[in-house]
Amino acid sequence: MITNLIIWLMRNTRFSIESRTKCVNALLVKLNFPCKDIIEVNSEEKIMVNGRQLDLEGARQLRESARAMLENSARKFVREQVAFKAITLGIHNGDTPEKLYFSRTALWFGQMEDELYHLLAQE
């Protein structure tokens, strides 16, 4: 009965962004959705993946993989093309807030990806 009431309220109520965020967060917590970072650096500057510290061999493989990704020419070309499309969408065709948000998100995603590869490559 409570579920049906919540669904009815959600369908018949106008939510602000803040209210939507609170509802989604509450739902994710209730469903035990993992709401924490997958890649972390602990207090001893050790890289943790999914809450556990990597062994020496796992850390070496991860570092080498990250370095290879940073040097991958196909990845660089794809990143440049995505950035070009994002700038074209956001600046030249940015006639709606959604286009601006999506283009900024694409650029942000690329920056975060690079930061994580540099972290994992231990550069």
N, C-alpha and C. Protein backbone atom coordinates (compact mmCIF):
# COMPACT_ATOMS: atom_id res chain seq x y z
N MET A 1 0.81 -1.19 0.00
CA MET A 1 0.00 0.00 0.00
C MET A 1 0.87 1.27 0.00
N ILE A 2 1.93 1.24 0.79
CA ILE A 2 2.83 2.39 0.84
C ILE A 2 3.52 2.58 -0.50
N THR A 3 3.89 1.48 -1.13
CA THR A 3 4.55 1.56 -2.44
C THR A 3 3.64 2.25 -3.45
N ASN A 4 2.39 1.86 -3.47
CA ASN A 4 1.44 2.47 -4.40
C ASN A 4 1.24 3.95 -4.11
N LEU A 5 1.22 4.32 -2.83
CA LEU A 5 1.08 5.73 -2.46
C LEU A 5 2.30 6.53 -2.93
N ILE A 6 3.49 5.99 -2.73
CA ILE A 6 4.72 6.67 -3.17
C ILE A 6 4.72 6.83 -4.68
N ILE A 7 4.35 5.79 -5.40
CA ILE A 7 4.31 5.86 -6.86
C ILE A 7 3.29 6.90 -7.30
N TRP A 8 2.12 6.92 -6.68
CA TRP A 8 1.10 7.92 -7.03
C TRP A 8 1.62 9.33 -6.77
N LEU A 9 2.25 9.54 -5.62
CA LEU A 9 2.80 10.86 -5.30
C LEU A 9 3.85 11.29 -6.31
N MET A 10 4.71 10.35 -6.69
CA MET A 10 5.77 10.69 -7.64
C MET A 10 5.19 11.05 -9.01
N ARG A 11 4.12 10.39 -9.41
CA ARG A 11 3.52 10.68 -10.71
C ARG A 11 2.73 11.99 -10.71
N ASN A 12 2.22 12.39 -9.56
CA ASN A 12 1.32 13.53 -9.50
C ASN A 12 1.90 14.74 -8.78
N THR A 13 3.19 14.76 -8.60
CA THR A 13 3.84 15.87 -7.90
C THR A 13 4.96 16.42 -8.77
N ARG A 14 5.11 17.75 -8.74
CA ARG A 14 6.24 18.38 -9.42
C ARG A 14 7.40 18.45 -8.44
N PHE A 15 8.50 17.81 -8.79
CA PHE A 15 9.67 17.77 -7.93
C PHE A 15 10.70 18.80 -8.38
N SER A 16 11.30 19.46 -7.43
CA SER A 16 12.44 20.32 -7.73
C SER A 16 13.67 19.41 -7.92
N ILE A 17 14.73 19.98 -8.42
CA ILE A 17 15.97 19.21 -8.57
C ILE A 17 16.42 18.68 -7.21
N GLU A 18 16.32 19.50 -6.18
CA GLU A 18 16.75 19.08 -4.84
C GLU A 18 15.91 17.91 -4.35
N SER A 19 14.60 17.97 -4.58
CA SER A 19 13.71 16.88 -4.15
C SER A 19 13.99 15.60 -4.93
N ARG A 20 14.23 15.75 -6.22
CA ARG A 20 14.57 14.57 -7.03
C ARG A 20 15.84 13.91 -6.54
N THR A 21 16.83 14.74 -6.25
CA THR A 21 18.10 14.21 -5.77
C THR A 21 17.92 13.47 -4.45
N LYS A 22 17.17 14.05 -3.53
CA LYS A 22 16.92 13.39 -2.24
C LYS A 22 16.20 12.06 -2.43
N CYS A 23 15.19 12.03 -3.29
CA CYS A 23 14.45 10.79 -3.53
C CYS A 23 15.32 9.71 -4.13
N VAL A 24 16.09 10.07 -5.15
CA VAL A 24 16.96 9.09 -5.80
C VAL A 24 18.00 8.56 -4.81
N ASN A 25 18.60 9.46 -4.03
CA ASN A 25 19.59 9.02 -3.04
C ASN A 25 18.98 8.10 -2.00
N ALA A 26 17.78 8.43 -1.51
CA ALA A 26 17.10 7.57 -0.53
C ALA A 26 16.80 6.20 -1.11
N LEU A 27 16.36 6.17 -2.36
CA LEU A 27 16.06 4.90 -3.01
C LEU A 27 17.32 4.06 -3.19
N LEU A 28 18.42 4.69 -3.61
CA LEU A 28 19.67 3.96 -3.79
C LEU A 28 20.19 3.39 -2.46
N VAL A 29 20.07 4.17 -1.39
CA VAL A 29 20.49 3.68 -0.08
C VAL A 29 19.63 2.50 0.35
N LYS A 30 18.32 2.61 0.15
CA LYS A 30 17.40 1.53 0.53
C LYS A 30 17.66 0.25 -0.25
N LEU A 31 18.10 0.39 -1.50
CA LEU A 31 18.39 -0.78 -2.34
C LEU A 31 19.81 -1.29 -2.16
N ASN A 32 20.55 -0.71 -1.20
CA ASN A 32 21.94 -1.09 -0.93
C ASN A 32 22.83 -0.93 -2.15
N PHE A 33 22.55 0.10 -2.93
CA PHE A 33 23.38 0.40 -4.10
C PHE A 33 24.72 0.94 -3.60
N PRO A 34 25.83 0.42 -4.14
CA PRO A 34 27.13 0.89 -3.66
C PRO A 34 27.37 2.36 -4.03
N CYS A 35 27.32 3.23 -3.04
CA CYS A 35 27.48 4.67 -3.27
C CYS A 35 28.84 5.12 -2.76
N LYS A 36 29.89 4.44 -3.20
CA LYS A 36 31.23 4.85 -2.80
C LYS A 36 32.15 4.66 -3.99
N ASP A 37 33.30 5.30 -3.90
CA ASP A 37 34.26 5.21 -4.99
C ASP A 37 34.77 3.79 -5.19
N ILE A 38 35.01 3.44 -6.42
CA ILE A 38 35.60 2.14 -6.75
C ILE A 38 37.11 2.22 -6.62
N ILE A 39 37.68 3.34 -7.04
CA ILE A 39 39.12 3.56 -6.94
C ILE A 39 39.37 4.64 -5.89
N GLU A 40 40.15 4.31 -4.87
CA GLU A 40 40.45 5.24 -3.79
C GLU A 40 41.95 5.20 -3.48
N VAL A 41 42.43 6.25 -2.86
CA VAL A 41 43.79 6.26 -2.33
C VAL A 41 43.65 6.39 -0.82
N ASN A 42 44.21 5.41 -0.08
CA ASN A 42 44.06 5.43 1.38
C ASN A 42 45.08 6.37 2.02
N SER A 43 45.08 6.41 3.34
CA SER A 43 45.95 7.35 4.07
C SER A 43 47.43 7.08 3.86
N GLU A 44 47.80 5.85 3.51
CA GLU A 44 49.21 5.53 3.24
C GLU A 44 49.57 5.70 1.77
N GLU A 45 48.71 6.39 1.01
CA GLU A 45 48.94 6.63 -0.41
C GLU A 45 48.90 5.33 -1.22
N LYS A 46 48.22 4.32 -0.73
CA LYS A 46 48.06 3.06 -1.46
C LYS A 46 46.75 3.10 -2.22
N ILE A 47 46.75 2.55 -3.43
CA ILE A 47 45.54 2.52 -4.25
C ILE A 47 44.68 1.34 -3.81
N MET A 48 43.40 1.66 -3.56
CA MET A 48 42.43 0.64 -3.17
C MET A 48 41.43 0.51 -4.31
N VAL A 49 41.06 -0.72 -4.67
CA VAL A 49 40.07 -0.97 -5.70
C VAL A 49 38.97 -1.81 -5.07
N ASN A 50 37.74 -1.31 -5.14
CA ASN A 50 36.59 -1.96 -4.52
C ASN A 50 36.82 -2.26 -3.05
N GLY A 51 37.46 -1.31 -2.35
CA GLY A 51 37.65 -1.42 -0.91
C GLY A 51 38.79 -2.32 -0.46
N ARG A 52 39.57 -2.83 -1.39
CA ARG A 52 40.69 -3.68 -0.97
C ARG A 52 41.98 -3.22 -1.65
N GLN A 53 43.06 -3.40 -0.92
CA GLN A 53 44.36 -3.01 -1.44
C GLN A 53 44.86 -4.09 -2.39
N LEU A 54 45.42 -3.65 -3.50
CA LEU A 54 45.93 -4.61 -4.47
C LEU A 54 47.24 -5.23 -3.99
N ASP A 55 47.46 -6.50 -4.36
CA ASP A 55 48.76 -7.09 -4.07
C ASP A 55 49.78 -6.51 -5.05
N LEU A 56 51.03 -6.84 -4.85
CA LEU A 56 52.11 -6.26 -5.65
C LEU A 56 51.92 -6.53 -7.14
N GLU A 57 51.59 -7.76 -7.49
CA GLU A 57 51.41 -8.12 -8.91
C GLU A 57 50.20 -7.41 -9.50
N GLY A 58 49.10 -7.35 -8.77
CA GLY A 58 47.90 -6.66 -9.26
C GLY A 58 48.16 -5.17 -9.46
N ALA A 59 48.90 -4.56 -8.55
CA ALA A 59 49.24 -3.14 -8.67
C ALA A 59 50.13 -2.90 -9.88
N ARG A 60 51.06 -3.80 -10.13
CA ARG A 60 51.95 -3.67 -11.28
C ARG A 60 51.17 -3.77 -12.58
N GLN A 61 50.28 -4.75 -12.67
CA GLN A 61 49.46 -4.92 -13.88
C GLN A 61 48.57 -3.71 -14.11
N LEU A 62 47.97 -3.20 -13.05
CA LEU A 62 47.10 -2.04 -13.17
C LEU A 62 47.88 -0.81 -13.62
N ARG A 63 49.07 -0.62 -13.07
CA ARG A 63 49.93 0.51 -13.44
C ARG A 63 50.31 0.42 -14.92
N GLU A 64 50.71 -0.77 -15.37
CA GLU A 64 51.09 -0.95 -16.77
C GLU A 64 49.90 -0.74 -17.71
N SER A 65 48.74 -1.23 -17.33
CA SER A 65 47.54 -1.04 -18.15
C SER A 65 47.18 0.43 -18.26
N ALA A 66 47.26 1.16 -17.15
CA ALA A 66 46.95 2.59 -17.16
C ALA A 66 47.93 3.35 -18.03
N ARG A 67 49.19 3.01 -17.95
CA ARG A 67 50.21 3.67 -18.80
C ARG A 67 49.94 3.39 -20.27
N ALA A 68 49.56 2.15 -20.58
CA ALA A 68 49.26 1.80 -21.97
C ALA A 68 48.04 2.59 -22.46
N MET A 69 47.05 2.78 -21.61
CA MET A 69 45.87 3.57 -22.01
C MET A 69 46.25 5.02 -22.27
N LEU A 70 47.12 5.56 -21.46
CA LEU A 70 47.53 6.95 -21.65
C LEU A 70 48.31 7.14 -22.95
N GLU A 71 48.99 6.09 -23.40
CA GLU A 71 49.80 6.17 -24.62
C GLU A 71 49.07 5.68 -25.86
N ASN A 72 47.85 5.19 -25.71
CA ASN A 72 47.11 4.59 -26.81
C ASN A 72 46.66 5.66 -27.81
N SER A 73 47.14 5.55 -29.05
CA SER A 73 46.84 6.59 -30.04
C SER A 73 45.37 6.57 -30.46
N ALA A 74 44.76 5.41 -30.57
CA ALA A 74 43.34 5.35 -30.93
C ALA A 74 42.50 6.05 -29.86
N ARG A 75 42.82 5.82 -28.60
CA ARG A 75 42.10 6.49 -27.51
C ARG A 75 42.26 8.00 -27.61
N LYS A 76 43.46 8.45 -27.92
CA LYS A 76 43.69 9.90 -28.03
C LYS A 76 42.85 10.51 -29.14
N PHE A 77 42.79 9.84 -30.30
CA PHE A 77 41.99 10.35 -31.41
C PHE A 77 40.50 10.38 -31.06
N VAL A 78 40.04 9.31 -30.41
CA VAL A 78 38.63 9.26 -30.01
C VAL A 78 38.32 10.36 -29.01
N ARG A 79 39.20 10.56 -28.03
CA ARG A 79 39.00 11.63 -27.04
C ARG A 79 38.94 13.00 -27.70
N GLU A 80 39.84 13.24 -28.65
CA GLU A 80 39.83 14.53 -29.37
C GLU A 80 38.54 14.71 -30.15
N GLN A 81 38.05 13.66 -30.78
CA GLN A 81 36.81 13.74 -31.56
C GLN A 81 35.62 13.99 -30.62
N VAL A 82 35.57 13.29 -29.50
CA VAL A 82 34.49 13.51 -28.53
C VAL A 82 34.52 14.94 -28.01
N ALA A 83 35.71 15.45 -27.71
CA ALA A 83 35.83 16.84 -27.24
C ALA A 83 35.37 17.80 -28.32
N PHE A 84 35.73 17.55 -29.57
CA PHE A 84 35.30 18.40 -30.68
C PHE A 84 33.78 18.41 -30.78
N LYS A 85 33.17 17.22 -30.74
CA LYS A 85 31.70 17.12 -30.82
C LYS A 85 31.05 17.82 -29.63
N ALA A 86 31.62 17.67 -28.45
CA ALA A 86 31.06 18.31 -27.26
C ALA A 86 31.11 19.82 -27.37
N ILE A 87 32.22 20.33 -27.85
CA ILE A 87 32.35 21.79 -28.01
C ILE A 87 31.40 22.29 -29.10
N THR A 88 31.29 21.54 -30.19
CA THR A 88 30.36 21.92 -31.26
C THR A 88 28.93 21.94 -30.73
N LEU A 89 28.55 20.91 -29.99
CA LEU A 89 27.20 20.84 -29.44
C LEU A 89 26.95 21.94 -28.42
N GLY A 90 27.92 22.16 -27.55
CA GLY A 90 27.71 23.10 -26.45
C GLY A 90 27.85 24.55 -26.83
N ILE A 91 28.79 24.86 -27.71
CA ILE A 91 29.04 26.27 -28.04
C ILE A 91 28.29 26.68 -29.31
N HIS A 92 28.45 25.93 -30.38
CA HIS A 92 27.87 26.32 -31.65
C HIS A 92 26.37 26.01 -31.75
N ASN A 93 25.94 24.93 -31.11
CA ASN A 93 24.53 24.53 -31.18
C ASN A 93 23.88 24.51 -29.80
N GLY A 94 24.45 25.18 -28.85
CA GLY A 94 23.97 25.12 -27.47
C GLY A 94 22.75 25.98 -27.23
N ASP A 95 21.65 25.63 -27.88
CA ASP A 95 20.44 26.43 -27.76
C ASP A 95 19.52 25.98 -26.62
N THR A 96 19.86 24.89 -25.95
CA THR A 96 19.07 24.45 -24.79
C THR A 96 20.02 24.13 -23.64
N PRO A 97 19.54 24.22 -22.41
CA PRO A 97 20.39 23.87 -21.27
C PRO A 97 20.89 22.42 -21.34
N GLU A 98 20.07 21.52 -21.87
CA GLU A 98 20.46 20.12 -21.95
C GLU A 98 21.69 19.93 -22.83
N LYS A 99 21.74 20.63 -23.95
CA LYS A 99 22.91 20.52 -24.84
C LYS A 99 24.16 21.03 -24.13
N LEU A 100 24.01 22.11 -23.39
CA LEU A 100 25.15 22.64 -22.64
C LEU A 100 25.60 21.65 -21.57
N TYR A 101 24.64 21.07 -20.83
CA TYR A 101 24.98 20.12 -19.77
C TYR A 101 25.67 18.89 -20.32
N PHE A 102 25.12 18.34 -21.41
CA PHE A 102 25.70 17.13 -21.98
C PHE A 102 27.09 17.39 -22.54
N SER A 103 27.29 18.52 -23.16
CA SER A 103 28.62 18.81 -23.70
C SER A 103 29.61 19.01 -22.57
N ARG A 104 29.22 19.70 -21.52
CA ARG A 104 30.11 19.88 -20.38
C ARG A 104 30.39 18.54 -19.70
N THR A 105 29.38 17.68 -19.64
CA THR A 105 29.57 16.37 -19.02
C THR A 105 30.55 15.52 -19.82
N ALA A 106 30.47 15.58 -21.14
CA ALA A 106 31.41 14.83 -21.97
C ALA A 106 32.83 15.29 -21.73
N LEU A 107 33.03 16.59 -21.65
CA LEU A 107 34.37 17.12 -21.38
C LEU A 107 34.84 16.74 -19.98
N TRP A 108 33.94 16.83 -19.00
CA TRP A 108 34.27 16.46 -17.63
C TRP A 108 34.66 14.98 -17.54
N PHE A 109 33.90 14.13 -18.23
CA PHE A 109 34.18 12.70 -18.22
C PHE A 109 35.60 12.42 -18.71
N GLY A 110 35.98 13.06 -19.81
CA GLY A 110 37.33 12.87 -20.34
C GLY A 110 38.40 13.31 -19.36
N GLN A 111 38.16 14.44 -18.69
CA GLN A 111 39.13 14.92 -17.71
C GLN A 111 39.25 13.96 -16.53
N MET A 112 38.12 13.45 -16.05
CA MET A 112 38.15 12.51 -14.93
C MET A 112 38.85 11.21 -15.32
N GLU A 113 38.59 10.76 -16.54
CA GLU A 113 39.23 9.54 -17.03
C GLU A 113 40.75 9.71 -17.04
N ASP A 114 41.21 10.84 -17.57
CA ASP A 114 42.65 11.09 -17.60
C ASP A 114 43.24 11.15 -16.20
N GLU A 115 42.56 11.83 -15.28
CA GLU A 115 43.06 11.91 -13.90
C GLU A 115 43.21 10.53 -13.29
N LEU A 116 42.23 9.66 -13.52
CA LEU A 116 42.29 8.31 -12.95
C LEU A 116 43.39 7.48 -13.59
N TYR A 117 43.57 7.61 -14.90
CA TYR A 117 44.66 6.87 -15.56
C TYR A 117 46.02 7.34 -15.02
N HIS A 118 46.17 8.65 -14.81
CA HIS A 118 47.43 9.16 -14.25
C HIS A 118 47.62 8.65 -12.82
N LEU A 119 46.54 8.60 -12.05
CA LEU A 119 46.62 8.08 -10.68
C LEU A 119 47.04 6.61 -10.70
N LEU A 120 46.37 5.82 -11.55
CA LEU A 120 46.68 4.39 -11.61
C LEU A 120 48.05 4.11 -12.19
N ALA A 121 48.50 4.97 -13.10
CA ALA A 121 49.84 4.82 -13.67
C ALA A 121 50.91 5.31 -12.71
N GLN A 122 50.48 5.91 -11.62
CA GLN A 122 51.35 6.46 -10.57
C GLN A 122 52.32 7.47 -11.15
N GLU A 123 51.76 8.39 -11.94
CA GLU A 123 52.57 9.45 -12.54
C GLU A 123 52.41 10.72 -11.73
